[in-house]
Amino acid sequence: MIEERLLRFAAPQLYMKMIEIFSNHHIHSYEVQAHVLKNNNGMTVSLRFSSDFSLSVSTNISCIQAENPDNFVIQFFEEAAEKCKSILIADYYKMIKL
């Protein structure tokens, strides 16, 4: 049985790179849920965000990329951080209007 694991424990180097990139966008680690699902070719990284963690993005990477994040991984985290940031801003403005 394949189980989803927290990115923080399954791939610590990858998690640290994600935290670094999200921090550059002023997004805290508690505002995103990061999980990994290992498979034969590597792993699927899933990031969930929004006020109820209902929105997600995911990508497939190799084990080598997990140990040494390359430009593909960095670009994925940059795009995810931008999406997350725009959702957080939109949620904030919705909350203010209420």
C-alpha atoms as a PDB file:
ATOM      1  CA  MET A   1       0.000   0.000   0.000  1.00  0.00           C
ATOM      2  CA  ILE A   2       1.344   3.417  -0.988  1.00  0.00           C
ATOM      3  CA  GLU A   3       0.906   6.114   1.610  1.00  0.00           C
ATOM      4  CA  GLU A   4       1.224   9.840   1.441  1.00  0.00           C
ATOM      5  CA  ARG A   5       3.885  11.284   3.745  1.00  0.00           C
ATOM      6  CA  LEU A   6       4.703  14.779   4.885  1.00  0.00           C
ATOM      7  CA  LEU A   7       7.325  16.390   2.680  1.00  0.00           C
ATOM      8  CA  ARG A   8       9.175  17.603   5.751  1.00  0.00           C
ATOM      9  CA  PHE A   9      10.051  14.035   6.765  1.00  0.00           C
ATOM     10  CA  ALA A  10      10.050  12.243   3.410  1.00  0.00           C
ATOM     11  CA  ALA A  11      12.431  14.665   1.644  1.00  0.00           C
ATOM     12  CA  PRO A  12      13.989  17.177   4.074  1.00  0.00           C
ATOM     13  CA  GLN A  13      16.222  18.895   1.479  1.00  0.00           C
ATOM     14  CA  LEU A  14      13.247  19.447  -0.780  1.00  0.00           C
ATOM     15  CA  TYR A  15      11.193  20.762   2.147  1.00  0.00           C
ATOM     16  CA  MET A  16      13.925  23.245   3.075  1.00  0.00           C
ATOM     17  CA  LYS A  17      14.042  24.534  -0.519  1.00  0.00           C
ATOM     18  CA  MET A  18      10.253  24.941  -0.504  1.00  0.00           C
ATOM     19  CA  ILE A  19      10.378  26.837   2.816  1.00  0.00           C
ATOM     20  CA  GLU A  20      13.132  29.092   1.476  1.00  0.00           C
ATOM     21  CA  ILE A  21      11.152  29.972  -1.657  1.00  0.00           C
ATOM     22  CA  PHE A  22       7.849  30.437   0.164  1.00  0.00           C
ATOM     23  CA  SER A  23       9.578  32.621   2.780  1.00  0.00           C
ATOM     24  CA  ASN A  24      10.818  34.873  -0.021  1.00  0.00           C
ATOM     25  CA  HIS A  25       7.140  35.391  -0.889  1.00  0.00           C
ATOM     26  CA  HIS A  26       6.277  36.037   2.791  1.00  0.00           C
ATOM     27  CA  ILE A  27       4.332  32.782   3.078  1.00  0.00           C
ATOM     28  CA  HIS A  28       4.715  30.812   6.304  1.00  0.00           C
ATOM     29  CA  SER A  29       5.071  27.050   6.457  1.00  0.00           C
ATOM     30  CA  TYR A  30       1.721  26.677   8.243  1.00  0.00           C
ATOM     31  CA  GLU A  31      -0.086  28.244   5.266  1.00  0.00           C
ATOM     32  CA  VAL A  32       0.719  25.300   3.008  1.00  0.00           C
ATOM     33  CA  GLN A  33       0.469  21.543   3.420  1.00  0.00           C
ATOM     34  CA  ALA A  34       3.187  19.629   1.578  1.00  0.00           C
ATOM     35  CA  HIS A  35       2.938  15.894   0.956  1.00  0.00           C
ATOM     36  CA  VAL A  36       4.845  13.264  -1.000  1.00  0.00           C
ATOM     37  CA  LEU A  37       3.625  10.074  -2.609  1.00  0.00           C
ATOM     38  CA  LYS A  38       6.521   7.821  -3.594  1.00  0.00           C
ATOM     39  CA  ASN A  39       6.227   5.741  -6.759  1.00  0.00           C
ATOM     40  CA  ASN A  40       8.490   3.654  -9.005  1.00  0.00           C
ATOM     41  CA  ASN A  41       9.884   6.626 -10.947  1.00  0.00           C
ATOM     42  CA  GLY A  42      10.431   8.952  -7.993  1.00  0.00           C
ATOM     43  CA  MET A  43       7.716  10.843  -6.193  1.00  0.00           C
ATOM     44  CA  THR A  44       4.710  13.088  -6.600  1.00  0.00           C
ATOM     45  CA  VAL A  45       4.886  16.296  -4.581  1.00  0.00           C
ATOM     46  CA  SER A  46       1.529  17.862  -3.679  1.00  0.00           C
ATOM     47  CA  LEU A  47       1.081  21.280  -2.118  1.00  0.00           C
ATOM     48  CA  ARG A  48      -2.283  22.291  -0.675  1.00  0.00           C
ATOM     49  CA  PHE A  49      -3.204  25.826   0.253  1.00  0.00           C
ATOM     50  CA  SER A  50      -6.045  28.333   0.772  1.00  0.00           C
ATOM     51  CA  SER A  51      -7.943  28.934   3.972  1.00  0.00           C
ATOM     52  CA  ASP A  52      -9.275  25.358   3.985  1.00  0.00           C
ATOM     53  CA  PHE A  53      -6.397  23.746   2.012  1.00  0.00           C
ATOM     54  CA  SER A  54      -8.799  22.902  -0.804  1.00  0.00           C
ATOM     55  CA  LEU A  55      -6.577  24.142  -3.656  1.00  0.00           C
ATOM     56  CA  SER A  56      -3.582  22.108  -4.708  1.00  0.00           C
ATOM     57  CA  VAL A  57      -0.750  21.853  -7.188  1.00  0.00           C
ATOM     58  CA  SER A  58       1.425  18.824  -7.786  1.00  0.00           C
ATOM     59  CA  THR A  59       4.336  17.617  -9.854  1.00  0.00           C
ATOM     60  CA  ASN A  60       6.395  14.480 -10.365  1.00  0.00           C
ATOM     61  CA  ILE A  61      10.091  14.559  -9.550  1.00  0.00           C
ATOM     62  CA  SER A  62      12.896  12.045  -9.324  1.00  0.00           C
ATOM     63  CA  CYS A  63      14.643  11.015  -6.113  1.00  0.00           C
ATOM     64  CA  ILE A  64      17.740  12.852  -7.334  1.00  0.00           C
ATOM     65  CA  GLN A  65      15.724  16.076  -7.697  1.00  0.00           C
ATOM     66  CA  ALA A  66      14.393  15.564  -4.163  1.00  0.00           C
ATOM     67  CA  GLU A  67      17.940  15.372  -2.794  1.00  0.00           C
ATOM     68  CA  ASN A  68      19.270  18.228  -4.957  1.00  0.00           C
ATOM     69  CA  PRO A  69      16.442  20.500  -6.146  1.00  0.00           C
ATOM     70  CA  ASP A  70      17.109  21.665  -9.700  1.00  0.00           C
ATOM     71  CA  ASN A  71      15.632  24.498 -11.782  1.00  0.00           C
ATOM     72  CA  PHE A  72      12.473  22.472 -12.541  1.00  0.00           C
ATOM     73  CA  VAL A  73      11.771  22.012  -8.822  1.00  0.00           C
ATOM     74  CA  ILE A  74      12.594  25.630  -8.030  1.00  0.00           C
ATOM     75  CA  GLN A  75      10.260  26.827 -10.802  1.00  0.00           C
ATOM     76  CA  PHE A  76       7.476  24.576  -9.477  1.00  0.00           C
ATOM     77  CA  PHE A  77       7.850  26.043  -5.976  1.00  0.00           C
ATOM     78  CA  GLU A  78       8.012  29.610  -7.348  1.00  0.00           C
ATOM     79  CA  GLU A  79       4.778  29.132  -9.317  1.00  0.00           C
ATOM     80  CA  ALA A  80       3.090  27.444  -6.357  1.00  0.00           C
ATOM     81  CA  ALA A  81       4.160  30.288  -4.054  1.00  0.00           C
ATOM     82  CA  GLU A  82       2.706  32.869  -6.459  1.00  0.00           C
ATOM     83  CA  LYS A  83      -0.619  30.987  -6.620  1.00  0.00           C
ATOM     84  CA  CYS A  84      -0.691  30.563  -2.864  1.00  0.00           C
ATOM     85  CA  LYS A  85       0.068  34.240  -2.300  1.00  0.00           C
ATOM     86  CA  SER A  86      -2.681  35.406  -4.644  1.00  0.00           C
ATOM     87  CA  ILE A  87      -5.206  33.090  -2.948  1.00  0.00           C
ATOM     88  CA  LEU A  88      -4.180  34.289   0.515  1.00  0.00           C
ATOM     89  CA  ILE A  89      -4.567  37.917  -0.580  1.00  0.00           C
ATOM     90  CA  ALA A  90      -7.982  37.215  -2.106  1.00  0.00           C
ATOM     91  CA  ASP A  91      -9.093  35.386   1.059  1.00  0.00           C
ATOM     92  CA  TYR A  92      -7.893  38.314   3.164  1.00  0.00           C
ATOM     93  CA  TYR A  93      -9.940  40.838   1.156  1.00  0.00           C
ATOM     94  CA  LYS A  94     -13.015  38.594   1.343  1.00  0.00           C
ATOM     95  CA  MET A  95     -12.597  38.434   5.116  1.00  0.00           C
ATOM     96  CA  ILE A  96     -12.312  42.234   5.397  1.00  0.00           C
ATOM     97  CA  LYS A  97     -15.557  42.768   3.461  1.00  0.00           C
ATOM     98  CA  LEU A  98     -17.552  40.585   5.851  1.00  0.00           C
END
